[in-house]
Amino acid sequence: MRKEKIVESAVLGTPVVALCGKIWVPSRDPQKFPVCPECKAIHDEMPRGDDSEQ
């Protein structure tokens, strides 16, 4: 998911689906919280894409 979508979800209060399938509403600074281990494992297995899509 693009970072803009996460920010939009935090501002509007709309839920997002994490890579692990958990549905949540981003409402806090993600830099202050650990990454879900399951999401990290899924992310690490994903192919690297074009940096312009971040």
PDB file of N, CA and C in Angstrom:
ATOM      1  N   MET A   1       0.851  -1.181   0.000  1.00  0.00           N
ATOM      2  CA  MET A   1       0.000   0.000   0.000  1.00  0.00           C
ATOM      3  C   MET A   1       0.890   1.235   0.000  1.00  0.00           C
ATOM      4  N   ARG A   2       0.498   2.198  -0.750  1.00  0.00           N
ATOM      5  CA  ARG A   2       1.260   3.432  -0.788  1.00  0.00           C
ATOM      6  C   ARG A   2       1.129   4.183   0.530  1.00  0.00           C
ATOM      7  N   LYS A   3       2.183   4.890   0.872  1.00  0.00           N
ATOM      8  CA  LYS A   3       2.185   5.649   2.121  1.00  0.00           C
ATOM      9  C   LYS A   3       1.056   6.669   2.156  1.00  0.00           C
ATOM     10  N   GLU A   4       0.725   7.235   0.992  1.00  0.00           N
ATOM     11  CA  GLU A   4      -0.350   8.235   0.951  1.00  0.00           C
ATOM     12  C   GLU A   4      -1.678   7.630   1.406  1.00  0.00           C
ATOM     13  N   LYS A   5      -1.910   6.378   1.042  1.00  0.00           N
ATOM     14  CA  LYS A   5      -3.158   5.714   1.423  1.00  0.00           C
ATOM     15  C   LYS A   5      -3.230   5.498   2.934  1.00  0.00           C
ATOM     16  N   ILE A   6      -2.094   5.189   3.551  1.00  0.00           N
ATOM     17  CA  ILE A   6      -2.067   5.000   4.997  1.00  0.00           C
ATOM     18  C   ILE A   6      -2.344   6.324   5.696  1.00  0.00           C
ATOM     19  N   VAL A   7      -1.726   7.392   5.198  1.00  0.00           N
ATOM     20  CA  VAL A   7      -1.971   8.713   5.782  1.00  0.00           C
ATOM     21  C   VAL A   7      -3.436   9.090   5.604  1.00  0.00           C
ATOM     22  N   GLU A   8      -3.974   8.860   4.424  1.00  0.00           N
ATOM     23  CA  GLU A   8      -5.381   9.153   4.159  1.00  0.00           C
ATOM     24  C   GLU A   8      -6.277   8.375   5.116  1.00  0.00           C
ATOM     25  N   SER A   9      -5.969   7.110   5.345  1.00  0.00           N
ATOM     26  CA  SER A   9      -6.758   6.286   6.257  1.00  0.00           C
ATOM     27  C   SER A   9      -6.688   6.817   7.683  1.00  0.00           C
ATOM     28  N   ALA A  10      -5.505   7.277   8.079  1.00  0.00           N
ATOM     29  CA  ALA A  10      -5.350   7.828   9.424  1.00  0.00           C
ATOM     30  C   ALA A  10      -6.168   9.096   9.589  1.00  0.00           C
ATOM     31  N   VAL A  11      -6.173   9.939   8.569  1.00  0.00           N
ATOM     32  CA  VAL A  11      -6.905  11.200   8.644  1.00  0.00           C
ATOM     33  C   VAL A  11      -8.405  10.972   8.595  1.00  0.00           C
ATOM     34  N   LEU A  12      -8.841  10.112   7.687  1.00  0.00           N
ATOM     35  CA  LEU A  12     -10.273   9.885   7.501  1.00  0.00           C
ATOM     36  C   LEU A  12     -10.851   8.819   8.434  1.00  0.00           C
ATOM     37  N   GLY A  13      -9.980   8.016   9.042  1.00  0.00           N
ATOM     38  CA  GLY A  13     -10.446   6.967   9.944  1.00  0.00           C
ATOM     39  C   GLY A  13     -10.967   5.734   9.237  1.00  0.00           C
ATOM     40  N   THR A  14     -10.548   5.533   7.983  1.00  0.00           N
ATOM     41  CA  THR A  14     -11.000   4.352   7.251  1.00  0.00           C
ATOM     42  C   THR A  14     -10.055   3.182   7.516  1.00  0.00           C
ATOM     43  N   PRO A  15     -10.585   1.980   7.640  1.00  0.00           N
ATOM     44  CA  PRO A  15      -9.742   0.820   7.911  1.00  0.00           C
ATOM     45  C   PRO A  15      -8.908   0.406   6.700  1.00  0.00           C
ATOM     46  N   VAL A  16      -7.774  -0.207   6.985  1.00  0.00           N
ATOM     47  CA  VAL A  16      -6.905  -0.776   5.958  1.00  0.00           C
ATOM     48  C   VAL A  16      -6.665  -2.238   6.316  1.00  0.00           C
ATOM     49  N   VAL A  17      -6.222  -3.013   5.337  1.00  0.00           N
ATOM     50  CA  VAL A  17      -5.915  -4.419   5.570  1.00  0.00           C
ATOM     51  C   VAL A  17      -4.405  -4.591   5.493  1.00  0.00           C
ATOM     52  N   ALA A  18      -3.827  -5.094   6.564  1.00  0.00           N
ATOM     53  CA  ALA A  18      -2.390  -5.354   6.605  1.00  0.00           C
ATOM     54  C   ALA A  18      -2.055  -6.572   5.756  1.00  0.00           C
ATOM     55  N   LEU A  19      -0.793  -6.774   5.461  1.00  0.00           N
ATOM     56  CA  LEU A  19      -0.368  -7.931   4.668  1.00  0.00           C
ATOM     57  C   LEU A  19      -0.785  -9.245   5.313  1.00  0.00           C
ATOM     58  N   CYS A  20      -0.826  -9.267   6.641  1.00  0.00           N
ATOM     59  CA  CYS A  20      -1.195 -10.496   7.355  1.00  0.00           C
ATOM     60  C   CYS A  20      -2.700 -10.724   7.376  1.00  0.00           C
ATOM     61  N   GLY A  21      -3.469  -9.735   6.911  1.00  0.00           N
ATOM     62  CA  GLY A  21      -4.914  -9.874   6.882  1.00  0.00           C
ATOM     63  C   GLY A  21      -5.642  -9.120   7.982  1.00  0.00           C
ATOM     64  N   LYS A  22      -4.906  -8.618   8.959  1.00  0.00           N
ATOM     65  CA  LYS A  22      -5.533  -7.869  10.051  1.00  0.00           C
ATOM     66  C   LYS A  22      -6.101  -6.565   9.499  1.00  0.00           C
ATOM     67  N   ILE A  23      -7.316  -6.234   9.924  1.00  0.00           N
ATOM     68  CA  ILE A  23      -7.956  -4.982   9.533  1.00  0.00           C
ATOM     69  C   ILE A  23      -7.786  -4.011  10.700  1.00  0.00           C
ATOM     70  N   TRP A  24      -7.294  -2.812  10.392  1.00  0.00           N
ATOM     71  CA  TRP A  24      -7.043  -1.835  11.442  1.00  0.00           C
ATOM     72  C   TRP A  24      -7.151  -0.419  10.889  1.00  0.00           C
ATOM     73  N   VAL A  25      -7.272   0.541  11.791  1.00  0.00           N
ATOM     74  CA  VAL A  25      -7.317   1.946  11.407  1.00  0.00           C
ATOM     75  C   VAL A  25      -6.028   2.592  11.908  1.00  0.00           C
ATOM     76  N   PRO A  26      -5.162   3.039  10.995  1.00  0.00           N
ATOM     77  CA  PRO A  26      -3.926   3.699  11.432  1.00  0.00           C
ATOM     78  C   PRO A  26      -4.280   4.995  12.160  1.00  0.00           C
ATOM     79  N   SER A  27      -3.811   5.122  13.394  1.00  0.00           N
ATOM     80  CA  SER A  27      -4.154   6.307  14.172  1.00  0.00           C
ATOM     81  C   SER A  27      -2.981   6.858  14.969  1.00  0.00           C
ATOM     82  N   ARG A  28      -1.840   6.231  14.851  1.00  0.00           N
ATOM     83  CA  ARG A  28      -0.669   6.670  15.610  1.00  0.00           C
ATOM     84  C   ARG A  28       0.547   6.684  14.704  1.00  0.00           C
ATOM     85  N   ASP A  29       1.604   7.321  15.183  1.00  0.00           N
ATOM     86  CA  ASP A  29       2.854   7.391  14.436  1.00  0.00           C
ATOM     87  C   ASP A  29       3.445   5.986  14.322  1.00  0.00           C
ATOM     88  N   PRO A  30       3.515   5.424  13.102  1.00  0.00           N
ATOM     89  CA  PRO A  30       4.002   4.048  12.956  1.00  0.00           C
ATOM     90  C   PRO A  30       5.471   3.882  13.350  1.00  0.00           C
ATOM     91  N   GLN A  31       6.226   4.965  13.386  1.00  0.00           N
ATOM     92  CA  GLN A  31       7.633   4.878  13.776  1.00  0.00           C
ATOM     93  C   GLN A  31       7.799   4.496  15.241  1.00  0.00           C
ATOM     94  N   LYS A  32       6.742   4.654  16.044  1.00  0.00           N
ATOM     95  CA  LYS A  32       6.803   4.366  17.481  1.00  0.00           C
ATOM     96  C   LYS A  32       6.400   2.936  17.826  1.00  0.00           C
ATOM     97  N   PHE A  33       6.000   2.147  16.811  1.00  0.00           N
ATOM     98  CA  PHE A  33       5.496   0.805  17.060  1.00  0.00           C
ATOM     99  C   PHE A  33       6.246  -0.221  16.225  1.00  0.00           C
ATOM    100  N   PRO A  34       6.398  -1.448  16.749  1.00  0.00           N
ATOM    101  CA  PRO A  34       7.092  -2.486  15.987  1.00  0.00           C
ATOM    102  C   PRO A  34       6.252  -2.962  14.796  1.00  0.00           C
ATOM    103  N   VAL A  35       6.932  -3.485  13.799  1.00  0.00           N
ATOM    104  CA  VAL A  35       6.261  -4.060  12.634  1.00  0.00           C
ATOM    105  C   VAL A  35       5.773  -5.453  13.009  1.00  0.00           C
ATOM    106  N   CYS A  36       4.575  -5.778  12.570  1.00  0.00           N
ATOM    107  CA  CYS A  36       4.017  -7.109  12.802  1.00  0.00           C
ATOM    108  C   CYS A  36       4.979  -8.141  12.204  1.00  0.00           C
ATOM    109  N   PRO A  37       5.405  -9.146  12.976  1.00  0.00           N
ATOM    110  CA  PRO A  37       6.348 -10.142  12.463  1.00  0.00           C
ATOM    111  C   PRO A  37       5.816 -10.879  11.226  1.00  0.00           C
ATOM    112  N   GLU A  38       4.521 -11.186  11.200  1.00  0.00           N
ATOM    113  CA  GLU A  38       3.943 -11.883  10.056  1.00  0.00           C
ATOM    114  C   GLU A  38       3.965 -10.988   8.812  1.00  0.00           C
ATOM    115  N   CYS A  39       3.616  -9.705   8.986  1.00  0.00           N
ATOM    116  CA  CYS A  39       3.659  -8.761   7.856  1.00  0.00           C
ATOM    117  C   CYS A  39       5.087  -8.599   7.345  1.00  0.00           C
ATOM    118  N   LYS A  40       6.053  -8.530   8.259  1.00  0.00           N
ATOM    119  CA  LYS A  40       7.455  -8.380   7.862  1.00  0.00           C
ATOM    120  C   LYS A  40       7.910  -9.578   7.043  1.00  0.00           C
ATOM    121  N   ALA A  41       7.537 -10.780   7.471  1.00  0.00           N
ATOM    122  CA  ALA A  41       7.923 -11.993   6.743  1.00  0.00           C
ATOM    123  C   ALA A  41       7.306 -11.995   5.342  1.00  0.00           C
ATOM    124  N   ILE A  42       6.048 -11.599   5.239  1.00  0.00           N
ATOM    125  CA  ILE A  42       5.388 -11.531   3.928  1.00  0.00           C
ATOM    126  C   ILE A  42       6.068 -10.488   3.060  1.00  0.00           C
ATOM    127  N   HIS A  43       6.330  -9.319   3.623  1.00  0.00           N
ATOM    128  CA  HIS A  43       6.974  -8.230   2.878  1.00  0.00           C
ATOM    129  C   HIS A  43       8.354  -8.654   2.380  1.00  0.00           C
ATOM    130  N   ASP A  44       9.111  -9.335   3.227  1.00  0.00           N
ATOM    131  CA  ASP A  44      10.462  -9.764   2.853  1.00  0.00           C
ATOM    132  C   ASP A  44      10.451 -10.759   1.696  1.00  0.00           C
ATOM    133  N   GLU A  45       9.356 -11.500   1.538  1.00  0.00           N
ATOM    134  CA  GLU A  45       9.238 -12.480   0.455  1.00  0.00           C
ATOM    135  C   GLU A  45       8.736 -11.876  -0.857  1.00  0.00           C
ATOM    136  N   MET A  46       8.233 -10.649  -0.785  1.00  0.00           N
ATOM    137  CA  MET A  46       7.679 -10.007  -1.985  1.00  0.00           C
ATOM    138  C   MET A  46       8.803  -9.545  -2.916  1.00  0.00           C
ATOM    139  N   PRO A  47       8.569  -9.632  -4.231  1.00  0.00           N
ATOM    140  CA  PRO A  47       9.585  -9.146  -5.166  1.00  0.00           C
ATOM    141  C   PRO A  47       9.724  -7.630  -5.053  1.00  0.00           C
ATOM    142  N   ARG A  48      10.909  -7.147  -5.287  1.00  0.00           N
ATOM    143  CA  ARG A  48      11.174  -5.721  -5.246  1.00  0.00           C
ATOM    144  C   ARG A  48      10.649  -5.092  -6.516  1.00  0.00           C
ATOM    145  N   GLY A  49       9.950  -3.985  -6.371  1.00  0.00           N
ATOM    146  CA  GLY A  49       9.358  -3.301  -7.523  1.00  0.00           C
ATOM    147  C   GLY A  49      10.076  -2.013  -7.847  1.00  0.00           C
ATOM    148  N   ASP A  50       9.457  -1.254  -8.688  1.00  0.00           N
ATOM    149  CA  ASP A  50       9.943   0.040  -9.115  1.00  0.00           C
ATOM    150  C   ASP A  50       9.803   1.021  -7.945  1.00  0.00           C
ATOM    151  N   ASP A  51      10.862   1.736  -7.596  1.00  0.00           N
ATOM    152  CA  ASP A  51      10.842   2.674  -6.477  1.00  0.00           C
ATOM    153  C   ASP A  51       9.879   3.836  -6.681  1.00  0.00           C
ATOM    154  N   SER A  52       9.462   4.097  -7.904  1.00  0.00           N
ATOM    155  CA  SER A  52       8.573   5.234  -8.148  1.00  0.00           C
ATOM    156  C   SER A  52       7.159   4.976  -7.633  1.00  0.00           C
ATOM    157  N   GLU A  53       6.815   3.748  -7.252  1.00  0.00           N
ATOM    158  CA  GLU A  53       5.485   3.403  -6.776  1.00  0.00           C
ATOM    159  C   GLU A  53       5.359   3.486  -5.265  1.00  0.00           C
ATOM    160  N   GLN A  54       6.347   3.965  -4.553  1.00  0.00           N
ATOM    161  CA  GLN A  54       6.290   4.012  -3.090  1.00  0.00           C
ATOM    162  C   GLN A  54       5.454   5.134  -2.600  1.00  0.00           C
TER     163      GLN A  54
END
